[in-house]
PDB file of N, CA and C in Angstrom:
ATOM      1  N   MET A   1       2.102  34.855 -28.848  1.00  0.00           N
ATOM      2  CA  MET A   1       1.545  33.405 -28.821  1.00  0.00           C
ATOM      3  C   MET A   1      -0.239  33.583 -28.693  1.00  0.00           C
ATOM      4  N   HIS A   2      -1.145  33.714 -28.139  1.00  0.00           N
ATOM      5  CA  HIS A   2      -2.295  33.956 -28.172  1.00  0.00           C
ATOM      6  C   HIS A   2      -2.750  33.468 -29.648  1.00  0.00           C
ATOM      7  N   SER A   3      -2.151  34.251 -30.465  1.00  0.00           N
ATOM      8  CA  SER A   3      -2.700  34.668 -31.436  1.00  0.00           C
ATOM      9  C   SER A   3      -2.558  33.154 -32.274  1.00  0.00           C
ATOM     10  N   PHE A   4      -1.541  32.601 -32.185  1.00  0.00           N
ATOM     11  CA  PHE A   4      -1.253  30.917 -32.694  1.00  0.00           C
ATOM     12  C   PHE A   4      -1.952  30.430 -31.831  1.00  0.00           C
ATOM     13  N   MET A   5      -2.643  30.280 -30.702  1.00  0.00           N
ATOM     14  CA  MET A   5      -3.128  29.495 -29.866  1.00  0.00           C
ATOM     15  C   MET A   5      -4.372  29.815 -30.690  1.00  0.00           C
ATOM     16  N   SER A   6      -5.314  30.673 -31.576  1.00  0.00           N
ATOM     17  CA  SER A   6      -6.275  31.360 -31.481  1.00  0.00           C
ATOM     18  C   SER A   6      -6.466  30.600 -33.217  1.00  0.00           C
ATOM     19  N   THR A   7      -5.861  30.813 -33.976  1.00  0.00           N
ATOM     20  CA  THR A   7      -5.342  30.676 -35.213  1.00  0.00           C
ATOM     21  C   THR A   7      -5.531  28.967 -35.418  1.00  0.00           C
ATOM     22  N   CYS A   8      -4.801  27.879 -34.851  1.00  0.00           N
ATOM     23  CA  CYS A   8      -5.301  26.699 -34.828  1.00  0.00           C
ATOM     24  C   CYS A   8      -6.186  26.110 -34.670  1.00  0.00           C
ATOM     25  N   THR A   9      -7.352  26.646 -33.845  1.00  0.00           N
ATOM     26  CA  THR A   9      -8.528  26.765 -32.929  1.00  0.00           C
ATOM     27  C   THR A   9      -9.526  26.491 -34.203  1.00  0.00           C
ATOM     28  N   LEU A  10      -8.901  27.603 -35.099  1.00  0.00           N
ATOM     29  CA  LEU A  10      -9.983  28.321 -36.476  1.00  0.00           C
ATOM     30  C   LEU A  10      -9.538  27.152 -36.892  1.00  0.00           C
ATOM     31  N   MET A  11      -8.249  26.352 -37.229  1.00  0.00           N
ATOM     32  CA  MET A  11      -7.910  25.822 -38.629  1.00  0.00           C
ATOM     33  C   MET A  11      -8.456  24.748 -38.582  1.00  0.00           C
ATOM     34  N   VAL A  12      -9.211  24.029 -36.754  1.00  0.00           N
ATOM     35  CA  VAL A  12      -9.560  22.419 -36.981  1.00  0.00           C
ATOM     36  C   VAL A  12     -10.990  23.105 -37.093  1.00  0.00           C
ATOM     37  N   ALA A  13     -11.710  24.334 -36.459  1.00  0.00           N
ATOM     38  CA  ALA A  13     -13.310  24.051 -36.671  1.00  0.00           C
ATOM     39  C   ALA A  13     -13.223  24.049 -38.154  1.00  0.00           C
ATOM     40  N   VAL A  14     -12.094  24.645 -39.047  1.00  0.00           N
ATOM     41  CA  VAL A  14     -12.153  24.960 -40.164  1.00  0.00           C
ATOM     42  C   VAL A  14     -12.463  23.203 -41.196  1.00  0.00           C
ATOM     43  N   LYS A  15     -11.519  22.783 -40.077  1.00  0.00           N
ATOM     44  CA  LYS A  15     -11.408  21.341 -40.910  1.00  0.00           C
ATOM     45  C   LYS A  15     -12.618  19.999 -39.619  1.00  0.00           C
ATOM     46  N   LEU A  16     -12.891  20.624 -39.116  1.00  0.00           N
ATOM     47  CA  LEU A  16     -14.263  19.440 -38.960  1.00  0.00           C
ATOM     48  C   LEU A  16     -15.585  20.061 -39.749  1.00  0.00           C
ATOM     49  N   SER A  17     -15.721  21.324 -40.361  1.00  0.00           N
ATOM     50  CA  SER A  17     -16.649  21.366 -41.226  1.00  0.00           C
ATOM     51  C   SER A  17     -15.788  20.719 -42.488  1.00  0.00           C
ATOM     52  N   ILE A  18     -15.001  20.806 -42.982  1.00  0.00           N
ATOM     53  CA  ILE A  18     -14.794  19.437 -44.121  1.00  0.00           C
ATOM     54  C   ILE A  18     -15.362  18.590 -43.760  1.00  0.00           C
ATOM     55  N   ALA A  19     -14.770  18.420 -43.100  1.00  0.00           N
ATOM     56  CA  ALA A  19     -15.170  17.051 -42.797  1.00  0.00           C
ATOM     57  C   ALA A  19     -15.666  16.368 -42.875  1.00  0.00           C
ATOM     58  N   ALA A  20     -17.130  16.896 -42.144  1.00  0.00           N
ATOM     59  CA  ALA A  20     -18.164  16.975 -41.429  1.00  0.00           C
ATOM     60  C   ALA A  20     -19.497  16.904 -42.516  1.00  0.00           C
ATOM     61  N   ASP A  21     -18.803  16.887 -43.759  1.00  0.00           N
ATOM     62  CA  ASP A  21     -19.080  17.260 -45.154  1.00  0.00           C
ATOM     63  C   ASP A  21     -19.296  16.992 -46.288  1.00  0.00           C
TER      64      ASP A  21
END
């Protein structure tokens, strides 16, 4: 479960990075 949360956070960070670019 903790891994899932970590993955979601990472995914969001990547999406934000792409959106910012």
